[in-house]
């Protein structure tokens, strides 16, 4: 892939309360639509601002942000981008699945055995709901249903806080690659089908949905 694909999560670790767990019933995953791009870029901008407060250079290059917009449009068109929405259809998180990145994974890694998780971003206002963990669990279930062995990620090489976050979710560091034209390259994987929160699974809608003028919801054809 041409664009860096480091995943990001807004809290290390995520924490939850009894009330936040109850609210999880109103949250679900659906495919992203073109109309979601402004909300996705709002998530991205918020992530960039938050990362600057954490002493990491992740996503500090403006050109990276431009590539992110182009990549999200492509992921949406290809059906690879998903969003988590709340009770009022507000976008709370996003994730994409992608093809194997040959800058990092080689034939020796048996790339066809894995599902590749990219661009996991959770809104700061949604922290405490375990959304990052639950999205990863969904990807893990999907990988298992597809008969794959692993869920794999590549993240920003210098973001050690993010590395620790994924390790707490059960990912094991495979190795670090450092091609000169990329700033991602910390590679990790978790067994497909493994769940961190088996009793708090995200429901899934197979189609994008939007509010209608009467405050209801309808599916997009």
Protein backbone atom coordinates (compact mmCIF):
# COMPACT_ATOMS: atom_id res chain seq x y z
CA UNK A 1 0.00 0.00 0.00
CA UNK A 2 1.20 3.50 -0.67
CA UNK A 3 -0.23 5.07 2.46
CA UNK A 4 0.76 4.34 6.05
CA UNK A 5 -1.86 2.22 7.71
CA UNK A 6 -1.10 2.51 11.40
CA UNK A 7 -4.06 1.79 13.63
CA UNK A 8 -4.82 4.06 16.56
CA UNK A 9 -6.87 3.87 19.72
CA UNK A 10 -7.56 6.83 22.00
CA UNK A 11 -6.97 5.39 25.44
CA UNK A 12 -4.37 3.13 27.02
CA UNK A 13 -6.04 1.11 28.40
CA UNK A 14 -9.74 1.48 27.75
CA UNK A 15 -11.79 1.59 30.91
CA UNK A 16 -15.50 1.11 31.35
CA UNK A 17 -18.30 1.46 33.85
CA UNK A 18 -21.55 -0.35 34.37
CA UNK A 19 -23.48 2.51 32.76
CA UNK A 20 -21.23 2.53 29.70
CA UNK A 21 -21.73 -1.19 29.24
CA UNK A 22 -25.49 -0.67 29.20
CA UNK A 23 -25.14 1.97 26.50
CA UNK A 24 -23.33 -0.54 24.31
CA UNK A 25 -26.72 -1.94 23.28
CA UNK A 26 -27.32 1.12 21.10
CA UNK A 27 -23.98 0.86 19.28
CA UNK A 28 -23.46 -1.21 16.16
CA UNK A 29 -21.16 -1.65 13.18
CA UNK A 30 -22.17 -0.91 9.62
CA UNK A 31 -20.39 -0.40 6.30
CA UNK A 32 -19.11 3.13 5.83
CA UNK A 33 -20.74 5.27 3.13
CA UNK A 34 -19.44 8.25 1.18
CA UNK A 35 -21.55 10.49 3.43
CA UNK A 36 -19.41 9.34 6.38
CA UNK A 37 -16.17 10.83 5.04
CA UNK A 38 -16.54 14.19 6.87
CA UNK A 39 -17.15 12.33 10.14
CA UNK A 40 -14.17 10.07 9.46
CA UNK A 41 -11.94 13.05 8.86
CA UNK A 42 -13.19 14.62 12.08
CA UNK A 43 -12.09 11.44 13.87
CA UNK A 44 -8.75 11.65 12.10
CA UNK A 45 -8.20 15.30 13.02
CA UNK A 46 -9.13 14.63 16.63
CA UNK A 47 -6.68 11.71 16.67
CA UNK A 48 -3.89 13.86 15.25
CA UNK A 49 -4.46 16.52 17.92
CA UNK A 50 -4.55 13.93 20.68
CA UNK A 51 -1.42 12.22 19.45
CA UNK A 52 0.48 15.52 19.55
CA UNK A 53 -0.19 15.67 23.30
CA UNK A 54 1.33 12.21 23.76
CA UNK A 55 4.80 12.98 22.46
CA UNK A 56 4.58 10.84 19.34
CA UNK A 57 5.22 11.94 15.76
CA UNK A 58 2.48 9.67 14.41
CA UNK A 59 0.35 11.35 11.73
CA UNK A 60 2.30 14.61 12.09
CA UNK A 61 2.98 14.85 8.35
CA UNK A 62 0.20 16.78 6.50
CA UNK A 63 0.79 14.63 3.42
CA UNK A 64 -0.17 11.60 5.48
CA UNK A 65 -3.57 13.16 6.15
CA UNK A 66 -4.15 13.77 2.42
CA UNK A 67 -3.36 10.14 1.66
CA UNK A 68 -5.74 9.11 4.43
CA UNK A 69 -8.64 10.90 2.71
CA UNK A 70 -7.89 9.22 -0.61
CA UNK A 71 -7.50 5.85 1.06
CA UNK A 72 -10.79 6.16 2.95
CA UNK A 73 -12.65 6.97 -0.26
CA UNK A 74 -11.12 3.89 -1.87
CA UNK A 75 -11.89 1.70 1.15
CA UNK A 76 -15.52 2.84 1.13
CA UNK A 77 -15.85 2.19 -2.60
CA UNK A 78 -14.39 -1.29 -2.13
CA UNK A 79 -16.54 -2.09 0.91
CA UNK A 80 -13.52 -2.30 3.22
CA UNK A 81 -14.33 0.55 5.64
CA UNK A 82 -16.72 0.20 8.58
CA UNK A 83 -18.02 2.60 11.21
CA UNK A 84 -19.43 2.15 14.70
CA UNK A 85 -22.45 4.37 15.20
CA UNK A 86 -24.41 5.34 18.28
CA UNK A 87 -28.08 5.73 19.10
CA UNK A 88 -28.42 8.88 16.97
CA UNK A 89 -26.26 7.58 14.09
CA UNK A 90 -23.22 9.58 15.19
CA UNK A 91 -19.94 8.00 14.12
CA UNK A 92 -18.06 6.81 17.21
CA UNK A 93 -15.29 4.75 15.63
CA UNK A 94 -13.99 3.40 12.36
CA UNK A 95 -11.93 0.48 11.12
CA UNK A 96 -10.88 -0.84 7.73
CA UNK A 97 -9.72 -4.20 6.49
CA UNK A 98 -7.12 -4.17 3.80
CA UNK A 99 -5.04 -6.26 1.46
CA UNK A 100 -1.65 -7.52 2.56
CA UNK A 101 0.95 -4.76 2.66
CA UNK A 102 3.97 -6.10 0.79
CA UNK A 103 6.24 -3.48 2.34
CA UNK A 104 5.94 -5.52 5.53
CA UNK A 105 4.57 -9.03 5.04
CA UNK A 106 6.39 -11.55 2.85
CA UNK A 107 5.54 -14.91 1.33
CA UNK A 108 7.20 -16.53 4.34
CA UNK A 109 4.46 -15.01 6.53
CA UNK A 110 1.79 -16.87 4.53
CA UNK A 111 -0.13 -13.63 4.01
CA UNK A 112 -3.30 -15.37 2.83
CA UNK A 113 -3.76 -16.84 6.32
CA UNK A 114 -4.49 -13.44 7.88
CA UNK A 115 -7.05 -10.66 7.94
CA UNK A 116 -5.36 -7.23 7.96
CA UNK A 117 -6.79 -4.56 10.27
CA UNK A 118 -6.17 -0.89 9.46
CA UNK A 119 -7.22 2.59 10.57
CA UNK A 120 -8.84 1.77 13.89
CA UNK A 121 -9.85 5.13 15.37
CA UNK A 122 -12.18 5.73 18.32
CA UNK A 123 -13.65 9.14 19.14
CA UNK A 124 -12.30 10.62 22.34
CA UNK A 125 -15.87 11.21 23.52
CA UNK A 126 -16.58 7.49 23.20
CA UNK A 127 -13.67 6.37 25.38
CA UNK A 128 -14.65 4.09 28.23
CA UNK A 129 -16.98 1.96 26.10
CA UNK A 130 -14.33 -0.59 25.07
CA UNK A 131 -15.08 0.19 21.43
CA UNK A 132 -11.53 -0.45 20.25
CA UNK A 133 -11.48 -3.83 21.96
CA UNK A 134 -14.91 -4.75 20.66
CA UNK A 135 -14.03 -3.76 17.08
CA UNK A 136 -10.89 -5.90 17.24
CA UNK A 137 -13.03 -8.77 18.57
CA UNK A 138 -15.38 -8.35 15.60
CA UNK A 139 -12.47 -8.49 13.19
CA UNK A 140 -11.21 -11.56 15.01
CA UNK A 141 -14.58 -13.29 14.67
CA UNK A 142 -14.70 -12.36 10.99
CA UNK A 143 -11.23 -13.77 10.44
CA UNK A 144 -12.29 -16.99 12.12
CA UNK A 145 -15.43 -17.28 9.99
CA UNK A 146 -13.29 -16.84 6.88
CA UNK A 147 -11.05 -19.68 7.99
CA UNK A 148 -8.03 -17.48 8.61
CA UNK A 149 -5.40 -18.02 11.27
CA UNK A 150 -4.48 -14.46 12.27
CA UNK A 151 -5.59 -10.87 12.60
CA UNK A 152 -2.59 -8.73 11.71
CA UNK A 153 -1.70 -5.07 12.18
CA UNK A 154 1.15 -2.74 11.32
CA UNK A 155 1.48 0.36 13.45
CA UNK A 156 3.68 3.43 13.73
CA UNK A 157 7.16 2.26 14.66
CA UNK A 158 7.78 4.85 17.39
CA UNK A 159 4.35 4.77 19.10
CA UNK A 160 5.26 2.51 22.02
CA UNK A 161 2.03 3.32 23.87
CA UNK A 162 0.05 1.94 20.96
CA UNK A 163 2.23 -1.17 20.85
CA UNK A 164 1.49 -1.78 24.53
CA UNK A 165 -2.24 -1.28 23.92
CA UNK A 166 -2.35 -3.97 21.27
CA UNK A 167 -0.22 -6.31 23.34
CA UNK A 168 -2.79 -5.98 26.13
CA UNK A 169 -5.41 -7.09 23.60
CA UNK A 170 -3.44 -10.26 22.92
CA UNK A 171 -1.36 -9.24 19.90
CA UNK A 172 2.18 -10.61 19.76
CA UNK A 173 4.96 -8.61 18.18
CA UNK A 174 6.24 -10.40 15.07
CA UNK A 175 9.04 -8.03 14.04
CA UNK A 176 9.65 -4.42 13.07
CA UNK A 177 10.29 -3.46 9.45
CA UNK A 178 11.67 -0.04 8.52
CA UNK A 179 11.46 0.66 4.79
CA UNK A 180 12.77 4.20 4.19
CA UNK A 181 9.53 5.44 2.59
CA UNK A 182 7.30 4.25 5.44
CA UNK A 183 6.96 5.22 9.12
CA UNK A 184 4.73 2.34 10.03
CA UNK A 185 6.22 -1.13 10.42
CA UNK A 186 5.70 -2.50 13.95
CA UNK A 187 4.08 -5.80 13.00
CA UNK A 188 1.91 -7.87 15.31
CA UNK A 189 -0.75 -10.56 15.12
CA UNK A 190 -3.44 -12.20 17.23
CA UNK A 191 -5.10 -15.60 16.66
CA UNK A 192 -8.31 -15.41 14.64
CA UNK A 193 -11.40 -16.14 16.71
CA UNK A 194 -9.81 -15.00 19.97
CA UNK A 195 -12.08 -12.63 21.93
CA UNK A 196 -11.17 -10.21 24.70
CA UNK A 197 -14.81 -9.37 25.55
CA UNK A 198 -16.93 -12.38 24.51
CA UNK A 199 -19.93 -11.11 26.47
CA UNK A 200 -19.94 -7.64 24.92
CA UNK A 201 -20.02 -8.20 21.16
CA UNK A 202 -20.91 -5.44 18.73
CA UNK A 203 -24.04 -6.08 16.63
CA UNK A 204 -23.67 -5.58 12.90
CA UNK A 205 -25.94 -4.05 10.27
CA UNK A 206 -25.22 -5.32 6.75
CA UNK A 207 -26.10 -1.99 5.08
CA UNK A 208 -25.36 1.70 5.67
CA UNK A 209 -28.27 3.48 7.34
CA UNK A 210 -29.22 7.15 7.49
CA UNK A 211 -31.78 9.26 9.34
CA UNK A 212 -34.82 10.30 7.35
CA UNK A 213 -36.61 13.64 7.67
CA UNK A 214 -38.95 12.22 10.28
CA UNK A 215 -36.26 11.17 12.73
CA UNK A 216 -36.41 7.52 11.75
CA UNK A 217 -33.82 5.38 10.05
CA UNK A 218 -33.84 3.86 6.59
CA UNK A 219 -31.40 1.64 4.77
CA UNK A 220 -29.46 2.95 1.82
CA UNK A 221 -30.04 0.91 -1.32
